Amino acid sequence: MDEPVEPRRGRGEALNEILREDLELQGVAELQDRIALLETEIARTRLHLETKQAGRAAADALFGGLRDD
């Protein structure tokens, strides 16, 4: 028997859910854990951004002279 297929979540949907959480219900330790996880996610996002920017810069350097501005 096939398992039901869940619809794929849209981009940023998980982040939007996190942003809507009621922080009033969380204790100090939970809030500290949340901050640590968010800081880890920020670092991961920055790394991906830097990687994409470096790839874009390399492509621009290689193909930049081919564009008509």
Protein backbone atom coordinates (compact mmCIF):
# COMPACT_ATOMS: atom_id res chain seq x y z
CA MET A 1 0.00 0.00 0.00
CA ASP A 2 1.38 3.39 -1.00
CA GLU A 3 1.80 6.06 1.63
CA PRO A 4 -0.10 9.28 1.02
CA VAL A 5 1.97 11.99 -0.60
CA GLU A 6 2.10 15.18 1.42
CA PRO A 7 2.13 18.42 -0.53
CA ARG A 8 5.54 20.03 -0.78
CA ARG A 9 6.00 23.06 1.43
CA GLY A 10 6.69 26.33 -0.29
CA ARG A 11 9.95 28.21 0.01
CA GLY A 12 10.24 29.99 3.31
CA GLU A 13 7.13 28.34 4.74
CA ALA A 14 9.05 26.68 7.58
CA LEU A 15 10.65 30.00 8.48
CA ASN A 16 7.26 31.71 8.47
CA GLU A 17 5.95 29.09 10.88
CA ILE A 18 8.89 29.71 13.22
CA LEU A 19 8.30 33.46 13.11
CA ARG A 20 4.68 32.99 14.19
CA GLU A 21 5.51 30.90 17.27
CA ASP A 22 4.40 32.37 20.58
CA LEU A 23 7.65 33.03 22.43
CA GLU A 24 5.73 33.80 25.61
CA LEU A 25 5.17 30.07 26.09
CA GLN A 26 8.89 29.24 26.08
CA GLY A 27 11.23 29.21 29.05
CA VAL A 28 14.68 30.74 29.30
CA ALA A 29 16.52 27.56 28.26
CA GLU A 30 14.18 27.06 25.31
CA LEU A 31 14.72 30.64 24.17
CA GLN A 32 18.48 30.23 24.47
CA ASP A 33 18.31 27.04 22.40
CA ARG A 34 16.17 28.83 19.84
CA ILE A 35 18.72 31.64 19.54
CA ALA A 36 21.56 29.15 19.11
CA LEU A 37 19.66 27.31 16.37
CA LEU A 38 18.79 30.55 14.60
CA GLU A 39 22.42 31.73 14.76
CA THR A 40 23.51 28.40 13.27
CA GLU A 41 20.96 28.82 10.48
CA ILE A 42 22.14 32.38 9.83
CA ALA A 43 25.73 31.15 9.51
CA ARG A 44 24.63 28.39 7.12
CA THR A 45 22.64 30.87 5.04
CA ARG A 46 25.57 33.30 4.90
CA LEU A 47 27.85 30.50 3.70
CA HIS A 48 25.44 29.64 0.88
CA LEU A 49 25.11 33.30 -0.01
CA GLU A 50 28.89 33.71 -0.21
CA THR A 51 29.15 30.58 -2.36
CA LYS A 52 26.48 31.86 -4.75
CA GLN A 53 28.07 35.31 -4.90
CA ALA A 54 31.47 33.79 -5.68
CA GLY A 55 29.94 31.68 -8.45
CA ARG A 56 28.18 34.72 -9.85
CA ALA A 57 31.40 36.75 -9.76
CA ALA A 58 33.27 33.95 -11.53
CA ALA A 59 30.58 33.76 -14.22
CA ASP A 60 30.60 37.54 -14.64
CA ALA A 61 34.39 37.50 -14.95
CA LEU A 62 34.23 34.75 -17.56
CA PHE A 63 31.24 35.94 -19.55
CA GLY A 64 31.07 39.62 -18.57
CA GLY A 65 32.69 40.79 -21.79
CA LEU A 66 30.06 38.99 -23.86
CA ARG A 67 27.08 41.04 -22.68
CA ASP A 68 25.68 44.09 -24.40
CA ASP A 69 25.03 46.78 -21.79
